[in-house]
C-alpha atoms as a PDB file:
ATOM      1  CA  MET A   1       0.055  -0.083  -0.110  1.00  0.00           C
ATOM      2  CA  ARG A   2       1.157   3.616  -0.831  1.00  0.00           C
ATOM      3  CA  LEU A   3       0.220   6.856   0.690  1.00  0.00           C
ATOM      4  CA  PHE A   4       0.217   9.785  -1.815  1.00  0.00           C
ATOM      5  CA  VAL A   5       0.250  13.180   0.071  1.00  0.00           C
ATOM      6  CA  GLY A   6      -0.740  16.444  -1.692  1.00  0.00           C
ATOM      7  CA  LEU A   7       0.427  19.671   0.054  1.00  0.00           C
ATOM      8  CA  GLY A   8      -1.731  22.800   0.395  1.00  0.00           C
ATOM      9  CA  ASN A   9      -3.700  24.853   2.754  1.00  0.00           C
ATOM     10  CA  PRO A  10      -7.428  24.187   3.201  1.00  0.00           C
ATOM     11  CA  GLY A  11     -10.277  26.387   2.305  1.00  0.00           C
ATOM     12  CA  ALA A  12     -11.418  28.517  -0.690  1.00  0.00           C
ATOM     13  CA  LYS A  13      -9.128  31.369   0.132  1.00  0.00           C
ATOM     14  CA  TYR A  14      -6.022  29.189  -0.652  1.00  0.00           C
ATOM     15  CA  ALA A  15      -7.483  26.882  -3.327  1.00  0.00           C
ATOM     16  CA  ALA A  16      -5.793  28.531  -6.304  1.00  0.00           C
ATOM     17  CA  ASN A  17      -2.476  29.430  -4.478  1.00  0.00           C
ATOM     18  CA  ARG A  18       0.819  28.334  -5.983  1.00  0.00           C
ATOM     19  CA  HIS A  19       1.503  26.619  -2.532  1.00  0.00           C
ATOM     20  CA  ASN A  20      -1.570  24.413  -3.338  1.00  0.00           C
ATOM     21  CA  ILE A  21      -0.381  22.650  -6.383  1.00  0.00           C
ATOM     22  CA  GLY A  22       0.097  19.467  -4.450  1.00  0.00           C
ATOM     23  CA  PHE A  23      -3.683  19.539  -3.500  1.00  0.00           C
ATOM     24  CA  LEU A  24      -4.376  20.024  -7.263  1.00  0.00           C
ATOM     25  CA  ALA A  25      -2.256  17.154  -8.298  1.00  0.00           C
ATOM     26  CA  VAL A  26      -3.862  14.604  -5.892  1.00  0.00           C
ATOM     27  CA  ASP A  27      -7.385  15.950  -6.814  1.00  0.00           C
ATOM     28  CA  GLU A  28      -6.525  15.065 -10.438  1.00  0.00           C
ATOM     29  CA  ILE A  29      -5.388  11.533  -9.584  1.00  0.00           C
ATOM     30  CA  GLN A  30      -8.592  11.089  -7.594  1.00  0.00           C
ATOM     31  CA  ARG A  31     -10.641  12.111 -10.508  1.00  0.00           C
ATOM     32  CA  ARG A  32      -8.836  10.357 -13.398  1.00  0.00           C
ATOM     33  CA  HIS A  33      -8.424   7.109 -11.656  1.00  0.00           C
ATOM     34  CA  GLY A  34     -11.885   6.650 -10.202  1.00  0.00           C
ATOM     35  CA  PHE A  35     -10.785   6.850  -6.620  1.00  0.00           C
ATOM     36  CA  ALA A  36     -13.622   6.786  -3.777  1.00  0.00           C
ATOM     37  CA  PRO A  37     -14.997  10.049  -2.824  1.00  0.00           C
ATOM     38  CA  TRP A  38     -13.114  12.201  -0.423  1.00  0.00           C
ATOM     39  CA  ARG A  39     -13.851  11.594   3.371  1.00  0.00           C
ATOM     40  CA  ARG A  40     -12.591  13.509   6.367  1.00  0.00           C
ATOM     41  CA  ARG A  41     -10.220  11.605   8.668  1.00  0.00           C
ATOM     42  CA  PHE A  42      -6.578  11.611   9.944  1.00  0.00           C
ATOM     43  CA  GLN A  43      -6.809  15.608  10.363  1.00  0.00           C
ATOM     44  CA  GLY A  44      -7.324  15.671   6.637  1.00  0.00           C
ATOM     45  CA  GLU A  45      -9.114  14.254   3.521  1.00  0.00           C
ATOM     46  CA  THR A  46      -8.526  10.772   2.200  1.00  0.00           C
ATOM     47  CA  SER A  47      -9.550   8.872  -0.892  1.00  0.00           C
ATOM     48  CA  GLU A  48      -8.631   5.291  -1.646  1.00  0.00           C
ATOM     49  CA  GLY A  49      -8.242   3.573  -5.133  1.00  0.00           C
ATOM     50  CA  VAL A  50      -5.690   1.475  -7.110  1.00  0.00           C
ATOM     51  CA  LEU A  51      -2.971   2.625  -9.455  1.00  0.00           C
ATOM     52  CA  GLY A  52      -1.688  -0.180 -11.551  1.00  0.00           C
ATOM     53  CA  ARG A  53      -1.155  -3.223  -9.193  1.00  0.00           C
ATOM     54  CA  ASP A  54      -0.862  -0.985  -6.073  1.00  0.00           C
ATOM     55  CA  LYS A  55      -3.502   0.055  -3.418  1.00  0.00           C
ATOM     56  CA  VAL A  56      -2.978   3.923  -3.011  1.00  0.00           C
ATOM     57  CA  VAL A  57      -4.489   6.014  -0.242  1.00  0.00           C
ATOM     58  CA  LEU A  58      -4.558   9.798  -1.264  1.00  0.00           C
ATOM     59  CA  LEU A  59      -4.241  12.407   1.632  1.00  0.00           C
ATOM     60  CA  LYS A  60      -4.816  16.007   1.701  1.00  0.00           C
ATOM     61  CA  PRO A  61      -3.937  17.440   5.161  1.00  0.00           C
ATOM     62  CA  THR A  62      -6.427  20.050   6.552  1.00  0.00           C
ATOM     63  CA  THR A  63      -3.978  21.079   9.212  1.00  0.00           C
ATOM     64  CA  TYR A  64      -2.537  23.954   7.294  1.00  0.00           C
ATOM     65  CA  MET A  65       0.869  23.556   5.524  1.00  0.00           C
ATOM     66  CA  ASN A  66       3.152  24.113   8.610  1.00  0.00           C
ATOM     67  CA  ASP A  67       1.438  21.055  10.418  1.00  0.00           C
ATOM     68  CA  SER A  68       1.201  18.789   7.448  1.00  0.00           C
ATOM     69  CA  GLY A  69       3.293  16.099   9.352  1.00  0.00           C
ATOM     70  CA  ARG A  70       0.604  15.284  11.861  1.00  0.00           C
ATOM     71  CA  ALA A  71      -2.038  14.163   9.264  1.00  0.00           C
ATOM     72  CA  VAL A  72       0.739  12.152   7.456  1.00  0.00           C
ATOM     73  CA  GLN A  73       1.942  10.380  10.550  1.00  0.00           C
ATOM     74  CA  GLU A  74      -1.617   9.655  11.650  1.00  0.00           C
ATOM     75  CA  ALA A  75      -2.572   8.107   8.282  1.00  0.00           C
ATOM     76  CA  ALA A  76       0.700   6.268   7.886  1.00  0.00           C
ATOM     77  CA  ASN A  77       0.359   4.746  11.396  1.00  0.00           C
ATOM     78  CA  PHE A  78      -3.274   3.578  10.784  1.00  0.00           C
ATOM     79  CA  PHE A  79      -2.337   1.933   7.490  1.00  0.00           C
ATOM     80  CA  LYS A  80       1.142   0.798   8.736  1.00  0.00           C
ATOM     81  CA  ILE A  81       2.833   2.500   5.790  1.00  0.00           C
ATOM     82  CA  ALA A  82       6.555   3.002   6.019  1.00  0.00           C
ATOM     83  CA  ALA A  83       8.270   6.325   5.082  1.00  0.00           C
ATOM     84  CA  GLY A  84       9.652   4.847   1.959  1.00  0.00           C
ATOM     85  CA  ASP A  85       6.136   4.151   0.762  1.00  0.00           C
ATOM     86  CA  VAL A  86       4.995   7.707   1.256  1.00  0.00           C
ATOM     87  CA  THR A  87       4.866  10.164  -1.638  1.00  0.00           C
ATOM     88  CA  VAL A  88       4.608  13.911  -1.359  1.00  0.00           C
ATOM     89  CA  PHE A  89       3.494  16.160  -3.935  1.00  0.00           C
ATOM     90  CA  GLN A  90       4.876  19.792  -3.207  1.00  0.00           C
ATOM     91  CA  ASP A  91       5.296  23.204  -4.737  1.00  0.00           C
ATOM     92  CA  GLU A  92       8.920  23.849  -5.562  1.00  0.00           C
ATOM     93  CA  LEU A  93      10.452  27.339  -5.910  1.00  0.00           C
ATOM     94  CA  GLU A  94      13.735  26.326  -7.214  1.00  0.00           C
ATOM     95  CA  LEU A  95      12.208  24.641 -10.434  1.00  0.00           C
ATOM     96  CA  PRO A  96      10.862  26.654 -13.417  1.00  0.00           C
ATOM     97  CA  PRO A  97       7.005  26.430 -13.623  1.00  0.00           C
ATOM     98  CA  ALA A  98       5.842  23.195 -14.928  1.00  0.00           C
ATOM     99  CA  LYS A  99       9.077  21.277 -14.488  1.00  0.00           C
ATOM    100  CA  VAL A 100       9.081  18.252 -12.325  1.00  0.00           C
ATOM    101  CA  ARG A 101      11.597  16.334 -10.343  1.00  0.00           C
ATOM    102  CA  VAL A 102      11.342  13.218  -8.017  1.00  0.00           C
ATOM    103  CA  LYS A 103      13.770  12.467  -5.169  1.00  0.00           C
ATOM    104  CA  VAL A 104      13.795  10.465  -1.966  1.00  0.00           C
ATOM    105  CA  GLY A 105      15.028  12.105   1.022  1.00  0.00           C
ATOM    106  CA  GLY A 106      17.360  15.108   0.987  1.00  0.00           C
ATOM    107  CA  GLY A 107      16.908  18.633   2.408  1.00  0.00           C
ATOM    108  CA  ILE A 108      13.724  20.557   2.700  1.00  0.00           C
ATOM    109  CA  ALA A 109      14.778  23.841   1.173  1.00  0.00           C
ATOM    110  CA  GLY A 110      12.879  25.927   3.592  1.00  0.00           C
ATOM    111  CA  HIS A 111       9.470  24.176   2.707  1.00  0.00           C
ATOM    112  CA  ASN A 112       7.427  24.086   6.036  1.00  0.00           C
ATOM    113  CA  GLY A 113       5.224  21.352   4.825  1.00  0.00           C
ATOM    114  CA  LEU A 114       8.257  19.051   4.418  1.00  0.00           C
ATOM    115  CA  ARG A 115       9.797  20.231   7.566  1.00  0.00           C
ATOM    116  CA  SER A 116       6.725  19.111   9.444  1.00  0.00           C
ATOM    117  CA  ILE A 117       6.627  15.752   7.634  1.00  0.00           C
ATOM    118  CA  SER A 118      10.286  15.017   8.175  1.00  0.00           C
ATOM    119  CA  ALA A 119       9.821  15.744  11.879  1.00  0.00           C
ATOM    120  CA  HIS A 120       7.005  13.295  12.254  1.00  0.00           C
ATOM    121  CA  ILE A 121       7.870  10.378   9.972  1.00  0.00           C
ATOM    122  CA  GLY A 122      11.689  10.779   9.234  1.00  0.00           C
ATOM    123  CA  ASN A 123      13.151  11.984   5.955  1.00  0.00           C
ATOM    124  CA  GLU A 124      13.081   8.947   3.753  1.00  0.00           C
ATOM    125  CA  TYR A 125       9.812   9.634   1.847  1.00  0.00           C
ATOM    126  CA  ARG A 126       9.644  10.410  -1.875  1.00  0.00           C
ATOM    127  CA  ARG A 127       8.881  14.064  -2.857  1.00  0.00           C
ATOM    128  CA  VAL A 128       7.418  14.986  -6.287  1.00  0.00           C
ATOM    129  CA  ARG A 129       8.610  18.494  -6.673  1.00  0.00           C
ATOM    130  CA  LEU A 130       6.289  20.442  -8.966  1.00  0.00           C
ATOM    131  CA  GLY A 131       8.058  23.649 -10.187  1.00  0.00           C
ATOM    132  CA  ILE A 132       6.147  26.984  -9.620  1.00  0.00           C
ATOM    133  CA  GLY A 133       9.200  29.248 -10.239  1.00  0.00           C
ATOM    134  CA  HIS A 134      10.936  31.777  -8.034  1.00  0.00           C
ATOM    135  CA  PRO A 135       9.845  35.438  -7.764  1.00  0.00           C
ATOM    136  CA  GLY A 136      13.591  36.268  -8.001  1.00  0.00           C
ATOM    137  CA  VAL A 137      13.976  38.068  -4.679  1.00  0.00           C
ATOM    138  CA  LYS A 138      13.977  36.215  -1.278  1.00  0.00           C
ATOM    139  CA  GLU A 139      11.742  38.864   0.385  1.00  0.00           C
ATOM    140  CA  LEU A 140       8.809  38.149  -2.381  1.00  0.00           C
ATOM    141  CA  VAL A 141       8.912  34.355  -1.744  1.00  0.00           C
ATOM    142  CA  HIS A 142       6.139  34.340   1.019  1.00  0.00           C
ATOM    143  CA  SER A 143       3.644  36.378  -1.105  1.00  0.00           C
ATOM    144  CA  HIS A 144       4.608  34.436  -4.184  1.00  0.00           C
ATOM    145  CA  VAL A 145       3.643  30.974  -2.742  1.00  0.00           C
ATOM    146  CA  LEU A 146       0.518  32.437  -1.069  1.00  0.00           C
ATOM    147  CA  SER A 147      -0.692  34.150  -4.146  1.00  0.00           C
ATOM    148  CA  ASP A 148      -3.025  32.641  -6.824  1.00  0.00           C
ATOM    149  CA  PHE A 149      -1.608  31.451 -10.064  1.00  0.00           C
ATOM    150  CA  ALA A 150      -1.828  33.906 -12.823  1.00  0.00           C
ATOM    151  CA  LYS A 151      -4.392  33.541 -15.657  1.00  0.00           C
ATOM    152  CA  SER A 152      -1.377  32.911 -18.013  1.00  0.00           C
ATOM    153  CA  ASP A 153      -0.293  30.031 -15.704  1.00  0.00           C
ATOM    154  CA  ARG A 154      -3.665  28.108 -15.946  1.00  0.00           C
ATOM    155  CA  ALA A 155      -2.852  26.219 -19.068  1.00  0.00           C
ATOM    156  CA  TRP A 156       0.331  24.589 -17.782  1.00  0.00           C
ATOM    157  CA  VAL A 157      -0.946  23.879 -14.228  1.00  0.00           C
ATOM    158  CA  VAL A 158      -3.936  22.007 -15.627  1.00  0.00           C
ATOM    159  CA  ALA A 159      -1.833  20.131 -18.220  1.00  0.00           C
ATOM    160  CA  LEU A 160       0.788  19.347 -15.453  1.00  0.00           C
ATOM    161  CA  CYS A 161      -1.740  18.032 -13.038  1.00  0.00           C
ATOM    162  CA  GLU A 162      -3.386  15.853 -15.871  1.00  0.00           C
ATOM    163  CA  VAL A 163       0.109  14.500 -17.006  1.00  0.00           C
ATOM    164  CA  VAL A 164       1.062  13.636 -13.429  1.00  0.00           C
ATOM    165  CA  ALA A 165      -2.180  11.870 -12.828  1.00  0.00           C
ATOM    166  CA  ASP A 166      -1.875   9.998 -16.103  1.00  0.00           C
ATOM    167  CA  ASN A 167       1.598   8.546 -14.963  1.00  0.00           C
ATOM    168  CA  ALA A 168       0.892   8.173 -11.313  1.00  0.00           C
ATOM    169  CA  ALA A 169       0.887   4.349 -11.466  1.00  0.00           C
ATOM    170  CA  LEU A 170       4.686   4.566 -12.346  1.00  0.00           C
ATOM    171  CA  LEU A 171       5.222   6.267  -9.017  1.00  0.00           C
ATOM    172  CA  ALA A 172       3.206   3.688  -7.156  1.00  0.00           C
ATOM    173  CA  ALA A 173       5.364   1.188  -8.719  1.00  0.00           C
ATOM    174  CA  GLY A 174       8.569   2.954  -7.625  1.00  0.00           C
ATOM    175  CA  GLN A 175       9.472   3.714 -11.219  1.00  0.00           C
ATOM    176  CA  ASP A 176      10.412   7.418 -10.424  1.00  0.00           C
ATOM    177  CA  ALA A 177      12.861   7.961 -13.328  1.00  0.00           C
ATOM    178  CA  SER A 178      10.230   6.567 -15.974  1.00  0.00           C
ATOM    179  CA  PHE A 179       7.632   8.899 -14.157  1.00  0.00           C
ATOM    180  CA  ALA A 180       9.668  11.972 -14.413  1.00  0.00           C
ATOM    181  CA  ASN A 181      10.750  11.324 -17.900  1.00  0.00           C
ATOM    182  CA  LYS A 182       7.241  10.782 -19.121  1.00  0.00           C
ATOM    183  CA  VAL A 183       5.915  13.769 -17.499  1.00  0.00           C
ATOM    184  CA  HIS A 184       8.653  15.808 -18.987  1.00  0.00           C
ATOM    185  CA  LEU A 185       8.072  14.466 -22.551  1.00  0.00           C
ATOM    186  CA  ALA A 186       4.346  14.984 -22.371  1.00  0.00           C
ATOM    187  CA  MET A 187       4.739  18.627 -21.269  1.00  0.00           C
ATOM    188  CA  GLN A 188       7.195  19.068 -23.986  1.00  0.00           C
ATOM    189  CA  ALA A 189       4.696  17.538 -26.513  1.00  0.00           C
ATOM    190  CA  LYS A 190       2.101  19.954 -25.313  1.00  0.00           C
ATOM    191  CA  GLY A 191       4.519  22.838 -26.100  1.00  0.00           C
ATOM    192  CA  PHE A 192       5.301  23.920 -22.525  1.00  0.00           C
ATOM    193  CA  PHE A 193       9.279  23.431 -22.986  1.00  0.00           C
ATOM    194  CA  ASP A 194      11.548  23.395 -26.014  1.00  0.00           C
ATOM    195  CA  ALA A 195      13.556  20.298 -26.853  1.00  0.00           C
ATOM    196  CA  LYS A 196      16.540  21.596 -25.323  1.00  0.00           C
ATOM    197  CA  ASP A 197      14.923  22.040 -21.835  1.00  0.00           C
END
């Protein structure tokens, strides 16, 4: 069994924020793969289904970003899921918009959601880093992540969530490199990157 965690803040006020792209990604996985309806538990919302051969629990913590680890730990303990079978979908300032990287462990780069999760379950979970771009100045980071995506961003955000969902079974199977490659090629085919990117 796998636990896929989308990071974000609950409520309509935050729904379209850059910080909430993790929520958007798991929402799309739930929609595209016919998962069960969302239900409230583990200080969050969960939905269960199957990706390929793997049973997957989706989790959207409703604790606010800085306390995400409490919900993740509660769900992981209940289902007896080890940190290595947890995948976290997060916004990533250090990647250009629409770029995706997958890594296991490593630093948290100032991301409070990751800091909280690492404090609760350790560091050996998988991160799917969804690029939102950097505002260019450190002082603008807070307002950047808590601002809504611009209208001009909508096309790539929707496309990225769809492509991530389409290839999510590869993540469930532990095929991280194949997942990252397929997502990149699909976004390139949709015209969001040049061949050299």
